[in-house]
Amino acid sequence: MSTFDHYFNRILDAAAAEATADGSAAVEAQHLLLAIAGEGSPPLAAAGLDQPALRRALDQEFTRSLATAGVTVPGGLPRATPDPGRSHSLGASAKVAIERGFDLVERKRDARPGHLLLGVLQADLGTVPRALALAGVDRAALRELALREVRA
């Protein structure tokens, strides 16, 4: 197994733990992003995005999405009750993010952690771009940081 394979497996495991913690039925792109942040991604750190900052942005995005549907949650969002026995499959947004990341390299053995981050950041619609916008993140600048990391 390559260094990237080990990294990728850690990210998938951590993303599944994130999905369990928030009561999600599947691992989605936001869970991948939280897992990548947990590994200490230099581009995310440079943008001021650690796991707590991302969780706040994701919670804010969820609250706003609920409000759009006419649902308000006075006092903030309650925490989900995790189901540790649940196994998680990859959701559509996670699958697409992973595919986009691997599409950036000719051979899988050339993949680096930044490629997975780039796959997540390339989404123009969905939870991750909305949460990053709420956090005041310049996605183009963050993508550029991730590109520099994979080129280094």
Protein backbone atom coordinates (compact mmCIF):
# COMPACT_ATOMS: atom_id res chain seq x y z
CA MET A 1 0.00 0.00 0.00
CA SER A 2 1.23 3.46 -0.86
CA THR A 3 1.40 6.40 1.52
CA PHE A 4 -1.63 7.87 -0.26
CA ASP A 5 -3.57 4.61 0.16
CA HIS A 6 -3.00 4.77 3.91
CA TYR A 7 -4.04 8.44 3.94
CA PHE A 8 -7.14 7.70 1.84
CA ASN A 9 -8.20 4.86 4.16
CA ARG A 10 -7.74 7.10 7.23
CA ILE A 11 -9.87 9.79 5.57
CA LEU A 12 -12.63 7.31 4.72
CA ASP A 13 -12.62 5.94 8.27
CA ALA A 14 -12.65 9.44 9.81
CA ALA A 15 -15.37 10.57 7.39
CA ALA A 16 -17.50 7.57 8.40
CA ALA A 17 -17.00 8.55 12.05
CA GLU A 18 -18.12 12.10 11.20
CA ALA A 19 -21.20 10.73 9.45
CA THR A 20 -21.98 8.57 12.50
CA ALA A 21 -21.55 11.54 14.83
CA ASP A 22 -24.02 13.69 12.93
CA GLY A 23 -26.53 10.90 12.37
CA SER A 24 -26.09 10.81 8.60
CA ALA A 25 -27.10 7.76 6.63
CA ALA A 26 -24.13 8.12 4.25
CA VAL A 27 -20.67 9.63 4.08
CA GLU A 28 -20.95 12.88 2.13
CA ALA A 29 -18.47 15.50 0.91
CA GLN A 30 -18.75 17.53 4.11
CA HIS A 31 -17.65 14.48 6.10
CA LEU A 32 -14.64 14.06 3.80
CA LEU A 33 -13.80 17.73 4.32
CA LEU A 34 -14.01 17.39 8.10
CA ALA A 35 -11.78 14.30 7.95
CA ILE A 36 -9.25 16.09 5.73
CA ALA A 37 -9.19 18.98 8.21
CA GLY A 38 -8.61 16.48 10.99
CA GLU A 39 -5.48 15.28 9.22
CA GLY A 40 -4.09 18.80 9.40
CA SER A 41 -4.42 19.83 5.75
CA PRO A 42 -2.01 22.74 5.13
CA PRO A 43 -4.30 24.51 2.61
CA LEU A 44 -7.27 24.33 5.00
CA ALA A 45 -5.11 25.50 7.91
CA ALA A 46 -3.81 28.42 5.82
CA ALA A 47 -7.43 29.41 5.16
CA GLY A 48 -8.19 29.26 8.90
CA LEU A 49 -10.30 26.13 8.54
CA ASP A 50 -9.82 23.57 11.26
CA GLN A 51 -12.48 21.04 12.27
CA PRO A 52 -14.24 23.34 14.76
CA ALA A 53 -14.44 26.18 12.21
CA LEU A 54 -15.77 23.81 9.56
CA ARG A 55 -18.34 22.34 11.97
CA ARG A 56 -19.57 25.84 12.81
CA ALA A 57 -19.88 26.70 9.12
CA LEU A 58 -21.66 23.41 8.37
CA ASP A 59 -24.05 23.91 11.31
CA GLN A 60 -24.77 27.43 10.07
CA GLU A 61 -25.39 26.10 6.55
CA PHE A 62 -27.77 23.45 7.89
CA THR A 63 -29.65 26.01 9.98
CA ARG A 64 -30.01 28.31 6.96
CA SER A 65 -31.16 25.43 4.76
CA LEU A 66 -33.82 24.53 7.32
CA ALA A 67 -34.89 28.18 7.52
CA THR A 68 -35.30 28.24 3.74
CA ALA A 69 -37.74 25.36 4.16
CA GLY A 70 -39.56 27.29 6.88
CA VAL A 71 -38.07 25.39 9.83
CA THR A 72 -36.49 27.32 12.68
CA VAL A 73 -34.60 25.83 15.57
CA PRO A 74 -34.66 28.17 18.56
CA GLY A 75 -31.54 27.78 20.67
CA GLY A 76 -29.54 26.09 17.94
CA LEU A 77 -29.32 22.66 16.46
CA PRO A 78 -29.56 19.67 18.76
CA ARG A 79 -26.83 17.07 18.37
CA ALA A 80 -27.81 13.87 16.60
CA THR A 81 -27.90 10.61 18.45
CA PRO A 82 -25.16 8.55 16.82
CA ASP A 83 -25.85 4.98 15.81
CA PRO A 84 -22.44 3.32 16.17
CA GLY A 85 -23.78 0.07 14.71
CA ARG A 86 -24.68 1.69 11.39
CA SER A 87 -22.33 1.14 8.50
CA HIS A 88 -22.05 3.99 6.06
CA SER A 89 -21.86 3.85 2.32
CA LEU A 90 -20.50 6.69 0.25
CA GLY A 91 -23.14 9.22 -0.67
CA ALA A 92 -23.36 10.89 -4.06
CA SER A 93 -21.42 14.02 -3.10
CA ALA A 94 -18.55 11.98 -1.61
CA LYS A 95 -18.37 9.68 -4.63
CA VAL A 96 -18.23 12.63 -7.01
CA ALA A 97 -15.61 14.41 -4.89
CA ILE A 98 -13.39 11.31 -4.85
CA GLU A 99 -13.82 10.83 -8.60
CA ARG A 100 -12.95 14.47 -9.27
CA GLY A 101 -9.84 14.15 -7.13
CA PHE A 102 -8.65 11.03 -8.97
CA ASP A 103 -9.46 12.63 -12.32
CA LEU A 104 -6.73 15.17 -11.58
CA VAL A 105 -3.99 12.54 -11.82
CA GLU A 106 -3.03 10.27 -14.70
CA ARG A 107 -2.24 7.33 -12.44
CA LYS A 108 -3.64 6.55 -9.01
CA ARG A 109 -0.12 6.16 -7.67
CA ASP A 110 0.42 9.86 -8.43
CA ALA A 111 -2.44 10.90 -6.13
CA ARG A 112 -1.62 13.07 -3.14
CA PRO A 113 -3.78 14.27 -0.23
CA GLY A 114 -4.35 17.62 -1.94
CA HIS A 115 -6.04 15.87 -4.85
CA LEU A 116 -8.79 14.62 -2.55
CA LEU A 117 -9.21 18.11 -1.11
CA LEU A 118 -9.40 19.54 -4.63
CA GLY A 119 -12.09 17.00 -5.50
CA VAL A 120 -14.17 18.25 -2.57
CA LEU A 121 -13.53 21.91 -3.36
CA GLN A 122 -14.50 21.64 -7.03
CA ALA A 123 -18.19 21.35 -6.20
CA ASP A 124 -20.05 24.47 -7.28
CA LEU A 125 -23.32 23.47 -5.62
CA GLY A 126 -24.16 21.74 -2.38
CA THR A 127 -23.44 21.79 1.30
CA VAL A 128 -19.66 22.33 1.13
CA PRO A 129 -19.65 25.41 -1.13
CA ARG A 130 -22.51 26.97 0.84
CA ALA A 131 -20.74 26.34 4.17
CA LEU A 132 -17.45 27.71 2.85
CA ALA A 133 -19.23 30.83 1.62
CA LEU A 134 -20.82 31.30 5.05
CA ALA A 135 -17.35 30.96 6.60
CA GLY A 136 -16.12 33.75 4.32
CA VAL A 137 -13.70 31.49 2.46
CA ASP A 138 -12.45 32.44 -0.98
CA ARG A 139 -12.85 29.04 -2.65
CA ALA A 140 -10.71 30.02 -5.64
CA ALA A 141 -7.85 31.01 -3.34
CA LEU A 142 -8.28 27.81 -1.33
CA ARG A 143 -8.20 25.72 -4.51
CA GLU A 144 -5.02 27.54 -5.54
CA LEU A 145 -3.41 26.68 -2.18
CA ALA A 146 -4.37 23.03 -2.67
CA LEU A 147 -3.01 23.07 -6.23
CA ARG A 148 0.31 24.45 -4.99
CA GLU A 149 0.45 21.69 -2.40
CA VAL A 150 0.00 18.90 -4.98
CA ARG A 151 2.54 20.49 -7.31
CA ALA A 152 5.19 20.82 -4.58
